[in-house]
Protein backbone atom coordinates (compact mmCIF):
# COMPACT_ATOMS: atom_id res chain seq x y z
CA MET A 1 -68.51 -56.98 22.64
CA THR A 2 -66.17 -54.12 21.39
CA ASN A 3 -67.84 -51.48 18.93
CA GLU A 4 -64.18 -50.89 16.99
CA MET A 5 -64.51 -53.14 14.18
CA PRO A 6 -60.96 -55.59 12.43
CA ARG A 7 -59.30 -53.99 9.15
CA CYS A 8 -59.42 -55.48 6.23
CA PRO A 9 -55.56 -56.34 6.01
CA ILE A 10 -55.92 -54.97 2.03
CA CYS A 11 -57.54 -52.06 1.87
CA ASN A 12 -57.90 -50.77 5.86
CA ASP A 13 -61.24 -50.46 5.51
CA SER A 14 -63.60 -51.98 8.06
CA LEU A 15 -64.58 -54.92 8.15
CA SER A 16 -68.77 -55.93 8.22
CA VAL A 17 -69.93 -59.24 9.87
CA ARG A 18 -72.38 -61.78 8.54
CA LEU A 19 -74.38 -64.69 9.93
CA ALA A 20 -73.72 -67.59 7.06
CA TYR A 21 -74.76 -71.49 7.68
CA GLY A 22 -72.28 -74.00 6.23
CA ARG A 23 -73.31 -75.49 2.82
CA LYS A 24 -73.93 -79.20 4.03
CA SER A 25 -73.77 -79.22 7.83
CA GLY A 26 -76.36 -75.63 7.81
CA LYS A 27 -74.35 -74.80 10.97
CA PRO A 28 -74.61 -71.28 11.80
CA PHE A 29 -71.20 -69.56 11.70
CA VAL A 30 -70.03 -65.62 11.69
CA MET A 31 -68.13 -64.20 8.64
CA PRO A 32 -66.18 -61.67 9.10
CA ILE A 33 -66.25 -59.71 5.01
CA CYS A 34 -64.19 -56.63 3.55
CA ALA A 35 -67.16 -54.34 3.12
CA ARG A 36 -65.77 -52.98 -0.40
CA ASP A 37 -64.94 -55.91 -1.95
CA GLY A 38 -65.91 -59.48 -0.18
CA ARG A 39 -62.45 -61.23 -2.34
CA HIS A 40 -59.74 -58.91 -0.16
CA PHE A 41 -60.75 -60.60 2.86
CA ARG A 42 -63.28 -63.64 3.82
CA GLY A 43 -63.10 -64.90 7.26
CA PHE A 44 -65.83 -68.06 9.20
CA ILE A 45 -65.81 -68.04 12.84
CA ASN A 46 -67.92 -71.52 14.14
CA HIS A 47 -66.33 -71.96 17.97
CA ARG A 48 -70.09 -72.97 19.19
CA PRO A 49 -69.63 -70.88 22.23
CA TYR A 50 -69.33 -68.03 20.30
CA VAL A 51 -71.45 -67.79 17.55
CA GLU A 52 -74.84 -68.75 20.05
CA GLU A 53 -73.10 -65.45 22.19
CA ILE A 54 -73.99 -63.55 18.45
CA LEU A 55 -77.66 -65.34 17.69
CA GLU A 56 -77.83 -64.77 20.90
CA TYR A 57 -77.30 -61.04 21.26
CA LEU A 58 -79.14 -60.24 17.21
CA GLU A 59 -82.11 -61.46 18.69
CA THR A 60 -81.82 -59.00 21.48
CA HIS A 61 -80.66 -56.20 19.65
CA ASP A 62 -81.12 -53.83 16.26
CA LYS A 63 -79.46 -56.57 13.71
CA ARG A 64 -78.58 -53.56 11.65
CA GLU A 65 -74.79 -52.64 14.35
CA PHE A 66 -73.45 -56.19 12.33
CA GLY A 67 -73.13 -55.43 8.39
CA ARG A 68 -76.89 -56.64 7.83
C-alpha cells in the first residue's frame, strides 16, 4: 500500500478512507471520502480480495492511519 492518499477532485484535499458495510448485504467495503466535505467525493470499493487485505492490515496496525 502506498502512503500517498488520492485527492478530492473538487477541493483537492486528501481523501480519508473508512471501512463501511452494505445496508442489505452487511458485506464490508472500503469507502474513500472527502475529508473536508463528504458530499464532494465518496467512492465504494468492494473488490473482495482488496477489502480482505485492508481488513487484515487493520487488524495488525493502528486504525488511525486510515482516517478512523
